[in-house]
Amino acid sequence: FGSSDWMSPEFQEIFGEWIAAVVASLQANGRSYDEFYLQFFDETLVGVAAEITALTKSFDPNVRVMLTIPRASIAATQKQVDAGLDISAYHAPQIEYDNPQDGFPMLSSGGRELWFYNAGGAEEVGRECDPLTWYRYMYWSAFYHGATGVHFWTLVRESARTGGWDETNQVYYLPMIY
């Protein structure tokens, strides 16, 4: 956006042109609005996320916006919801049956979607204690708390012959799996 100031009229004009071009490109490739979303920030609840969501919606209210969020309380997410957030991906490694966040109902109402996600290997370098329980539990807890989607950050290793539970391998990159 060059040297334009954040949210200045020039910034907003350039951003609007950019959003229009991105949407046109996606639609020219056969994608409808329900087949993509935009994610401008990762794991943030800062005010700029709400500002950019509101700006996006002002140019094209049909564009879906997703944020990955570390907390799902009403207090933490209200600004993003008011700005038009469509999909909240809650980082849910510690979620249990008896500790739902108070924002879950708000984040899954009014056409919004609540997703859960986790980052396999974030602290154990890809070796979860029990991968079967780890991955199955995420789906069950999402269902139990009314979430409509699940995704994982997962590790891809330098050598395709060994998996994430091999201590000799190094992380190559971290794709998302939905």
Protein backbone atom coordinates (compact mmCIF):
# COMPACT_ATOMS: atom_id res chain seq x y z
CA PHE A 1 0.00 0.00 0.00
CA GLY A 2 2.99 2.22 -0.42
CA SER A 3 3.42 5.10 1.94
CA SER A 4 -0.28 5.67 2.64
CA ASP A 5 -1.24 5.88 6.29
CA TRP A 6 -3.31 3.16 7.93
CA MET A 7 -7.00 3.67 7.10
CA SER A 8 -6.39 6.96 5.29
CA PRO A 9 -8.69 7.60 2.31
CA GLU A 10 -5.81 6.60 0.01
CA PHE A 11 -5.26 3.36 1.93
CA GLN A 12 -8.96 2.55 1.81
CA GLU A 13 -9.15 3.22 -1.93
CA ILE A 14 -6.15 0.98 -2.67
CA PHE A 15 -7.49 -1.71 -0.34
CA GLY A 16 -10.90 -1.61 -2.06
CA GLU A 17 -9.26 -2.05 -5.46
CA TRP A 18 -7.19 -4.92 -4.11
CA ILE A 19 -10.23 -6.70 -2.60
CA ALA A 20 -12.14 -6.30 -5.87
CA ALA A 21 -9.19 -7.75 -7.83
CA VAL A 22 -8.76 -10.71 -5.46
CA VAL A 23 -12.47 -11.56 -5.58
CA ALA A 24 -12.59 -11.16 -9.37
CA SER A 25 -9.60 -13.48 -9.73
CA LEU A 26 -11.16 -16.12 -7.48
CA GLN A 27 -14.48 -15.91 -9.30
CA ALA A 28 -12.77 -16.06 -12.71
CA ASN A 29 -11.30 -19.36 -11.52
CA GLY A 30 -14.76 -20.72 -10.76
CA ARG A 31 -15.02 -19.98 -7.03
CA SER A 32 -18.23 -18.70 -5.50
CA TYR A 33 -18.30 -16.70 -2.27
CA ASP A 34 -18.99 -19.81 -0.20
CA GLU A 35 -15.85 -21.50 -1.57
CA PHE A 36 -13.27 -19.09 -0.14
CA TYR A 37 -12.59 -16.81 2.77
CA LEU A 38 -9.92 -14.22 3.50
CA GLN A 39 -7.71 -14.44 6.56
CA PHE A 40 -5.66 -11.31 7.10
CA PHE A 41 -4.25 -12.08 10.53
CA ASP A 42 -3.25 -15.20 12.41
CA GLU A 43 -4.11 -15.60 16.10
CA THR A 44 -4.97 -12.05 16.90
CA LEU A 45 -7.72 -10.13 18.57
CA VAL A 46 -6.13 -6.73 18.11
CA GLY A 47 -8.23 -3.81 16.91
CA VAL A 48 -6.68 -3.74 13.45
CA ALA A 49 -8.23 -7.14 12.73
CA ALA A 50 -11.68 -5.68 13.36
CA GLU A 51 -10.83 -2.59 11.30
CA ILE A 52 -9.68 -4.58 8.27
CA THR A 53 -12.69 -6.89 8.56
CA ALA A 54 -15.08 -3.91 8.59
CA LEU A 55 -13.24 -2.31 5.66
CA THR A 56 -13.43 -5.54 3.67
CA LYS A 57 -17.16 -5.82 4.34
CA SER A 58 -17.69 -2.18 3.32
CA PHE A 59 -16.33 -2.97 -0.14
CA ASP A 60 -17.85 -6.42 -0.54
CA PRO A 61 -20.21 -7.68 2.16
CA ASN A 62 -20.23 -11.15 0.56
CA VAL A 63 -16.55 -11.83 1.24
CA ARG A 64 -16.17 -14.16 4.19
CA VAL A 65 -13.46 -13.25 6.72
CA MET A 66 -11.81 -15.69 9.11
CA LEU A 67 -9.62 -15.07 12.14
CA THR A 68 -7.79 -17.64 14.20
CA ILE A 69 -8.24 -16.62 17.81
CA PRO A 70 -6.53 -17.58 21.07
CA ARG A 71 -9.59 -16.75 23.22
CA ALA A 72 -13.28 -17.13 22.46
CA SER A 73 -14.84 -15.00 25.15
CA ILE A 74 -17.51 -12.43 24.36
CA ALA A 75 -15.27 -9.65 25.67
CA ALA A 76 -12.32 -10.71 23.51
CA THR A 77 -14.25 -11.20 20.26
CA GLN A 78 -17.11 -8.69 20.32
CA LYS A 79 -15.28 -6.10 18.15
CA GLN A 80 -14.52 -8.69 15.48
CA VAL A 81 -18.11 -9.95 15.49
CA ASP A 82 -19.45 -6.39 15.23
CA ALA A 83 -17.08 -5.78 12.30
CA GLY A 84 -18.59 -8.70 10.39
CA LEU A 85 -16.34 -11.67 11.18
CA ASP A 86 -17.73 -14.81 9.51
CA ILE A 87 -15.49 -17.63 10.75
CA SER A 88 -13.74 -17.82 14.12
CA ALA A 89 -11.11 -20.52 14.41
CA TYR A 90 -10.55 -20.99 18.12
CA HIS A 91 -7.19 -22.40 19.23
CA ALA A 92 -8.54 -25.22 21.35
CA PRO A 93 -5.74 -27.40 22.71
CA GLN A 94 -7.02 -27.18 26.29
CA ILE A 95 -10.77 -27.40 25.64
CA GLU A 96 -12.64 -29.89 27.78
CA TYR A 97 -16.31 -30.70 28.26
CA ASP A 98 -16.72 -28.46 31.27
CA ASN A 99 -14.80 -25.34 30.22
CA PRO A 100 -16.50 -23.81 27.18
CA GLN A 101 -15.69 -20.19 26.38
CA ASP A 102 -18.63 -17.83 26.92
CA GLY A 103 -18.31 -16.55 23.35
CA PHE A 104 -19.03 -19.91 21.69
CA PRO A 105 -22.79 -19.22 21.25
CA MET A 106 -22.13 -15.75 19.79
CA LEU A 107 -19.39 -17.03 17.47
CA SER A 108 -21.67 -19.75 16.10
CA SER A 109 -24.84 -17.68 15.64
CA GLY A 110 -26.18 -15.31 13.02
CA GLY A 111 -24.62 -17.22 10.14
CA ARG A 112 -21.15 -17.15 11.71
CA GLU A 113 -19.11 -20.34 11.96
CA LEU A 114 -17.05 -21.44 14.93
CA TRP A 115 -14.17 -23.75 14.12
CA PHE A 116 -11.65 -25.35 16.44
CA TYR A 117 -8.02 -25.77 15.56
CA ASN A 118 -4.85 -27.08 17.02
CA ALA A 119 -1.20 -27.04 16.09
CA GLY A 120 0.21 -30.54 16.15
CA GLY A 121 3.84 -30.40 17.09
CA ALA A 122 3.92 -26.83 18.32
CA GLU A 123 5.66 -27.89 21.50
CA GLU A 124 6.44 -31.56 20.98
CA VAL A 125 7.97 -31.18 17.51
CA GLY A 126 5.24 -33.28 15.95
CA ARG A 127 5.14 -36.11 18.47
CA GLU A 128 1.89 -35.85 20.36
CA CYS A 129 1.59 -38.29 23.27
CA ASP A 130 -1.24 -40.19 21.63
CA PRO A 131 -1.96 -39.01 18.09
CA LEU A 132 -5.14 -41.07 17.73
CA THR A 133 -6.65 -39.50 20.83
CA TRP A 134 -5.24 -36.07 19.96
CA TYR A 135 -6.85 -35.84 16.54
CA ARG A 136 -10.10 -37.69 17.29
CA TYR A 137 -10.66 -35.69 20.45
CA MET A 138 -10.51 -32.39 18.57
CA TYR A 139 -13.43 -33.48 16.37
CA TRP A 140 -15.47 -34.72 19.30
CA SER A 141 -14.92 -31.57 21.38
CA ALA A 142 -15.81 -29.38 18.37
CA PHE A 143 -19.06 -31.32 17.93
CA TYR A 144 -19.79 -31.21 21.66
CA HIS A 145 -19.38 -27.43 21.83
CA GLY A 146 -21.29 -26.68 18.61
CA ALA A 147 -18.37 -25.84 16.32
CA THR A 148 -18.88 -26.46 12.61
CA GLY A 149 -15.29 -26.97 11.48
CA VAL A 150 -11.93 -28.29 12.57
CA HIS A 151 -8.47 -27.66 11.24
CA PHE A 152 -4.91 -28.46 12.20
CA TRP A 153 -1.52 -26.98 11.57
CA THR A 154 0.56 -30.02 10.78
CA LEU A 155 4.21 -30.67 10.20
CA VAL A 156 5.70 -31.70 6.89
CA ARG A 157 9.15 -33.16 7.18
CA GLU A 158 12.22 -32.89 5.00
CA SER A 159 12.16 -36.62 4.34
CA ALA A 160 8.91 -38.12 3.09
CA ARG A 161 10.00 -41.53 4.35
CA THR A 162 9.70 -40.65 8.02
CA GLY A 163 6.82 -39.18 9.93
CA GLY A 164 6.36 -36.55 12.59
CA TRP A 165 7.17 -38.99 15.36
CA ASP A 166 10.76 -39.51 14.22
CA GLU A 167 13.10 -37.46 16.41
CA THR A 168 15.77 -37.20 13.72
CA ASN A 169 13.60 -35.25 11.31
CA GLN A 170 13.44 -31.47 11.16
CA VAL A 171 10.38 -29.33 10.46
CA TYR A 172 10.20 -28.15 6.87
CA TYR A 173 6.96 -26.15 6.79
CA LEU A 174 3.56 -25.99 8.47
CA PRO A 175 0.51 -26.33 6.20
CA MET A 176 -3.08 -26.20 7.44
CA ILE A 177 -5.37 -29.19 7.12
CA TYR A 178 -9.15 -28.57 7.14
